[in-house]
Amino acid sequence: MAKGKKRLEVVHLVCQETGDMNYTLRKKSGGEKLKVKKYSPRLRKHTVHVEKKK
């Protein structure tokens, strides 16, 4: 029998300093929340972005 597919969910990466949703990505459901250092166009520097579901 074939196993069920894991669903991909759309998550947004939100800047912790400004609260802007700058990036979207698709990841497998479950696991820990992402915490990534990405570029913030408003501040023009790299800041920490955290995962948020819409």
N, C-alpha and C. Protein backbone atom coordinates (compact mmCIF):
# COMPACT_ATOMS: atom_id res chain seq x y z
N MET A 1 0.83 -1.18 0.00
CA MET A 1 0.00 0.00 0.00
C MET A 1 0.88 1.25 0.00
N ALA A 2 0.40 2.27 -0.63
CA ALA A 2 1.14 3.53 -0.69
C ALA A 2 0.91 4.32 0.60
N LYS A 3 1.96 4.99 1.04
CA LYS A 3 1.83 5.82 2.24
C LYS A 3 1.24 7.16 1.86
N GLY A 4 0.59 7.83 2.81
CA GLY A 4 0.01 9.15 2.57
C GLY A 4 1.10 10.20 2.42
N LYS A 5 0.83 11.19 1.60
CA LYS A 5 1.80 12.26 1.38
C LYS A 5 1.74 13.24 2.54
N LYS A 6 2.89 13.80 2.88
CA LYS A 6 2.92 14.87 3.88
C LYS A 6 2.52 16.15 3.17
N ARG A 7 1.65 16.91 3.79
CA ARG A 7 1.16 18.14 3.20
C ARG A 7 2.15 19.27 3.42
N LEU A 8 2.29 20.11 2.43
CA LEU A 8 3.10 21.32 2.57
C LEU A 8 2.17 22.46 2.96
N GLU A 9 2.63 23.27 3.89
CA GLU A 9 1.83 24.42 4.29
C GLU A 9 2.60 25.69 3.99
N VAL A 10 1.88 26.76 3.70
CA VAL A 10 2.48 28.05 3.41
C VAL A 10 2.67 28.79 4.72
N VAL A 11 3.91 29.23 4.97
CA VAL A 11 4.20 30.02 6.17
C VAL A 11 4.86 31.32 5.74
N HIS A 12 4.71 32.34 6.56
CA HIS A 12 5.29 33.64 6.30
C HIS A 12 6.41 33.88 7.31
N LEU A 13 7.48 34.52 6.85
CA LEU A 13 8.55 34.91 7.75
C LEU A 13 8.35 36.39 8.09
N VAL A 14 8.20 36.66 9.39
CA VAL A 14 7.89 38.00 9.87
C VAL A 14 9.10 38.56 10.60
N CYS A 15 9.47 39.79 10.26
CA CYS A 15 10.58 40.47 10.90
C CYS A 15 10.20 40.78 12.35
N GLN A 16 11.09 40.46 13.29
CA GLN A 16 10.79 40.72 14.70
C GLN A 16 10.87 42.20 15.04
N GLU A 17 11.67 42.95 14.34
CA GLU A 17 11.84 44.37 14.67
C GLU A 17 10.72 45.24 14.10
N THR A 18 10.31 44.99 12.85
CA THR A 18 9.30 45.84 12.22
C THR A 18 7.92 45.19 12.14
N GLY A 19 7.83 43.87 12.18
CA GLY A 19 6.56 43.17 12.05
C GLY A 19 6.11 42.98 10.62
N ASP A 20 6.99 43.27 9.65
CA ASP A 20 6.66 43.11 8.23
C ASP A 20 6.76 41.64 7.82
N MET A 21 5.82 41.22 6.95
CA MET A 21 5.90 39.89 6.35
C MET A 21 6.70 40.02 5.07
N ASN A 22 7.99 39.68 5.11
CA ASN A 22 8.87 39.88 3.98
C ASN A 22 9.03 38.65 3.09
N TYR A 23 8.88 37.46 3.63
CA TYR A 23 9.13 36.24 2.87
C TYR A 23 8.02 35.23 3.10
N THR A 24 7.75 34.40 2.09
CA THR A 24 6.84 33.27 2.23
C THR A 24 7.57 32.04 1.75
N LEU A 25 7.23 30.91 2.36
CA LEU A 25 7.80 29.65 1.91
C LEU A 25 6.87 28.52 2.24
N ARG A 26 7.12 27.38 1.61
CA ARG A 26 6.31 26.19 1.85
C ARG A 26 7.17 25.19 2.59
N LYS A 27 6.65 24.66 3.70
CA LYS A 27 7.40 23.67 4.45
C LYS A 27 6.48 22.56 4.89
N LYS A 28 7.06 21.43 5.24
CA LYS A 28 6.27 20.31 5.72
C LYS A 28 5.68 20.66 7.08
N SER A 29 4.47 20.17 7.33
CA SER A 29 3.82 20.48 8.59
C SER A 29 4.53 19.77 9.74
N GLY A 30 4.42 20.36 10.91
CA GLY A 30 5.06 19.80 12.09
C GLY A 30 6.44 20.38 12.29
N GLY A 31 7.07 19.99 13.38
CA GLY A 31 8.41 20.49 13.66
C GLY A 31 8.39 21.81 14.40
N GLU A 32 9.57 22.35 14.64
CA GLU A 32 9.69 23.61 15.37
C GLU A 32 9.47 24.79 14.44
N LYS A 33 9.19 25.95 15.04
CA LYS A 33 9.06 27.18 14.26
C LYS A 33 10.43 27.60 13.76
N LEU A 34 10.46 28.13 12.55
CA LEU A 34 11.72 28.61 11.99
C LEU A 34 12.10 29.95 12.61
N LYS A 35 13.38 30.14 12.78
CA LYS A 35 13.93 31.41 13.25
C LYS A 35 15.19 31.64 12.43
N VAL A 36 15.10 32.54 11.43
CA VAL A 36 16.15 32.70 10.44
C VAL A 36 16.55 34.17 10.35
N LYS A 37 17.82 34.40 10.08
CA LYS A 37 18.29 35.76 9.87
C LYS A 37 18.19 36.07 8.38
N LYS A 38 17.31 37.04 8.02
CA LYS A 38 17.07 37.40 6.63
C LYS A 38 17.17 38.91 6.47
N TYR A 39 17.21 39.37 5.22
CA TYR A 39 17.32 40.79 4.91
C TYR A 39 15.96 41.49 5.06
N SER A 40 15.94 42.61 5.76
CA SER A 40 14.74 43.43 5.91
C SER A 40 14.89 44.68 5.04
N PRO A 41 14.07 44.81 3.99
CA PRO A 41 14.22 45.96 3.09
C PRO A 41 13.91 47.30 3.76
N ARG A 42 13.01 47.32 4.74
CA ARG A 42 12.68 48.58 5.40
C ARG A 42 13.86 49.10 6.22
N LEU A 43 14.53 48.20 6.95
CA LEU A 43 15.67 48.61 7.78
C LEU A 43 16.99 48.59 7.02
N ARG A 44 16.98 47.95 5.87
CA ARG A 44 18.18 47.78 5.03
C ARG A 44 19.32 47.11 5.78
N LYS A 45 18.99 46.05 6.53
CA LYS A 45 19.99 45.23 7.21
C LYS A 45 19.37 43.86 7.51
N HIS A 46 20.21 42.92 7.91
CA HIS A 46 19.74 41.58 8.26
C HIS A 46 19.18 41.58 9.67
N THR A 47 17.99 41.00 9.82
CA THR A 47 17.34 40.88 11.12
C THR A 47 16.80 39.48 11.28
N VAL A 48 16.38 39.15 12.48
CA VAL A 48 15.81 37.83 12.76
C VAL A 48 14.36 37.81 12.29
N HIS A 49 13.99 36.79 11.54
CA HIS A 49 12.62 36.58 11.07
C HIS A 49 12.12 35.28 11.68
N VAL A 50 10.85 35.27 12.11
CA VAL A 50 10.25 34.08 12.69
C VAL A 50 9.06 33.66 11.84
N GLU A 51 8.72 32.39 11.94
CA GLU A 51 7.65 31.80 11.18
C GLU A 51 6.29 32.18 11.77
N LYS A 52 5.33 32.50 10.88
CA LYS A 52 3.98 32.79 11.30
C LYS A 52 3.03 32.22 10.26
N LYS A 53 2.02 31.49 10.71
CA LYS A 53 1.01 30.99 9.79
C LYS A 53 -0.02 32.07 9.55
N LYS A 54 -0.59 32.09 8.37
CA LYS A 54 -1.59 33.12 8.06
C LYS A 54 -2.95 32.65 8.45
